[in-house]
Amino acid sequence: QAQLVESGGGLVQPGGSLRLSCAASGIMFSIYTMGWYRQAPGKRRELVASLTSGGSTNSADSVKGRFTISRDNAKNTVDLQMNSLKPEDTAVYYCNAYNSLLVLNYWGQGTQVTVSS
């Protein structure tokens, strides 16, 4: 049974940093594209950053230069390092595992990130 569990969210002041972590179980982690999405109140869920099994990354223009995604296939984890946080980064952040060949898509339960003074 696939499970993604996020951790590391919280309240931070503008300009601060947070590191989100997602631990995966029940999947062959190394073959999945891992991603972080976020959803702010009243808005659609959007891609923040993704990292393929081959090491290719994709990220939203709004976070380029501030957020970094990384994965550890030995530990089945994917992290999102968030620096220079802004109030507009406030959202629930979701971990995602996707494999296009197997047509499998899994989500975590989400973790709240609030950027406020």
Protein backbone atom coordinates (compact mmCIF):
# COMPACT_ATOMS: atom_id res chain seq x y z
CA GLN A 1 0.00 0.00 0.00
CA ALA A 2 1.53 3.26 -1.14
CA GLN A 3 1.96 5.97 1.44
CA LEU A 4 3.53 9.42 1.32
CA VAL A 5 4.04 11.29 4.58
CA GLU A 6 5.09 14.92 4.64
CA SER A 7 6.76 16.73 7.51
CA GLY A 8 8.49 20.03 8.18
CA GLY A 9 5.74 22.57 7.66
CA GLY A 10 5.04 25.39 10.05
CA LEU A 11 5.01 29.13 10.61
CA VAL A 12 7.97 31.20 9.42
CA GLN A 13 8.65 34.89 9.00
CA PRO A 14 9.14 36.43 5.56
CA GLY A 15 12.68 35.87 4.40
CA GLY A 16 13.02 32.72 6.46
CA SER A 17 13.60 29.12 5.47
CA LEU A 18 11.87 25.79 5.89
CA ARG A 19 12.72 22.30 4.76
CA LEU A 20 9.91 19.92 3.88
CA SER A 21 10.46 16.20 3.77
CA CYS A 22 8.36 13.41 2.31
CA ALA A 23 8.87 9.77 3.23
CA ALA A 24 7.51 7.21 0.79
CA SER A 25 6.64 3.60 1.44
CA GLY A 26 4.94 0.84 -0.50
CA ILE A 27 6.26 1.97 -3.88
CA MET A 28 9.38 1.36 -5.94
CA PHE A 29 10.53 4.86 -5.14
CA SER A 30 13.42 5.11 -7.58
CA ILE A 31 11.22 4.78 -10.68
CA TYR A 32 8.83 7.58 -9.74
CA THR A 33 8.92 11.24 -10.55
CA MET A 34 8.65 12.94 -7.18
CA GLY A 35 7.13 16.35 -6.83
CA TRP A 36 5.91 19.01 -4.48
CA TYR A 37 2.66 20.82 -5.16
CA ARG A 38 0.89 23.50 -3.18
CA GLN A 39 -2.61 24.82 -2.82
CA ALA A 40 -3.48 28.17 -1.31
CA PRO A 41 -7.01 28.96 -0.13
CA GLY A 42 -9.31 29.60 -3.07
CA LYS A 43 -6.66 28.63 -5.61
CA ARG A 44 -5.91 25.59 -7.72
CA ARG A 45 -3.22 23.13 -6.74
CA GLU A 46 -0.02 24.00 -8.58
CA LEU A 47 3.32 22.37 -9.20
CA VAL A 48 6.14 23.77 -7.10
CA ALA A 49 8.97 21.49 -8.18
CA SER A 50 9.52 17.98 -9.48
CA LEU A 51 12.45 15.63 -9.88
CA THR A 52 12.43 12.67 -12.22
CA SER A 53 14.05 9.32 -11.62
CA GLY A 54 16.74 10.39 -14.07
CA GLY A 55 17.52 13.57 -12.15
CA SER A 56 15.74 16.17 -14.30
CA THR A 57 14.07 18.97 -12.41
CA ASN A 58 11.20 21.29 -13.14
CA SER A 59 10.00 24.16 -11.00
CA ALA A 60 7.55 27.02 -11.01
CA ASP A 61 8.93 30.37 -12.08
CA SER A 62 7.77 31.85 -8.79
CA VAL A 63 10.15 29.65 -6.78
CA LYS A 64 13.18 29.48 -9.08
CA GLY A 65 16.31 30.49 -7.24
CA ARG A 66 14.62 30.08 -3.85
CA PHE A 67 13.42 26.48 -3.61
CA THR A 68 15.44 23.32 -4.25
CA ILE A 69 14.10 19.80 -4.59
CA SER A 70 16.23 16.77 -3.82
CA ARG A 71 15.72 13.05 -3.39
CA ASP A 72 17.44 10.17 -1.66
CA ASN A 73 16.57 6.89 -3.37
CA ALA A 74 18.27 4.90 -0.61
CA LYS A 75 16.00 6.42 2.04
CA ASN A 76 12.90 6.82 -0.17
CA THR A 77 12.66 10.50 0.68
CA VAL A 78 12.21 13.72 -1.25
CA ASP A 79 12.91 17.10 0.29
CA LEU A 80 12.05 20.66 -0.59
CA GLN A 81 14.40 23.32 0.74
CA MET A 82 12.60 26.64 0.77
CA ASN A 83 14.59 29.84 1.24
CA SER A 84 13.66 33.52 1.12
CA LEU A 85 10.07 32.65 1.84
CA LYS A 86 7.36 35.14 0.96
CA PRO A 87 3.80 35.52 2.26
CA GLU A 88 2.55 34.33 -1.13
CA ASP A 89 4.26 30.98 -0.49
CA THR A 90 1.64 30.30 2.19
CA ALA A 91 -0.23 27.14 1.24
CA VAL A 92 -0.72 23.48 1.99
CA TYR A 93 2.19 21.62 0.41
CA TYR A 94 1.63 18.14 -0.98
CA CYS A 95 4.10 15.43 -1.87
CA ASN A 96 3.40 13.55 -5.11
CA ALA A 97 4.73 10.37 -6.67
CA TYR A 98 3.99 9.79 -10.35
CA ASN A 99 4.94 7.12 -12.85
CA SER A 100 3.69 7.67 -16.38
CA LEU A 101 4.38 4.15 -17.66
CA LEU A 102 2.51 2.47 -14.84
CA VAL A 103 -0.05 5.28 -14.77
CA LEU A 104 0.21 5.53 -11.02
CA ASN A 105 -0.18 8.72 -9.05
CA TYR A 106 -0.02 9.10 -5.27
CA TRP A 107 -0.47 12.04 -2.91
CA GLY A 108 0.48 12.76 0.65
CA GLN A 109 -1.91 14.31 3.14
CA GLY A 110 -0.30 17.74 2.96
CA THR A 111 1.56 19.98 5.35
CA GLN A 112 0.74 23.61 6.08
CA VAL A 113 3.31 26.32 5.41
CA THR A 114 2.48 29.79 6.66
CA VAL A 115 4.73 32.75 5.94
CA SER A 116 3.76 35.68 8.11
CA SER A 117 5.26 38.26 10.42
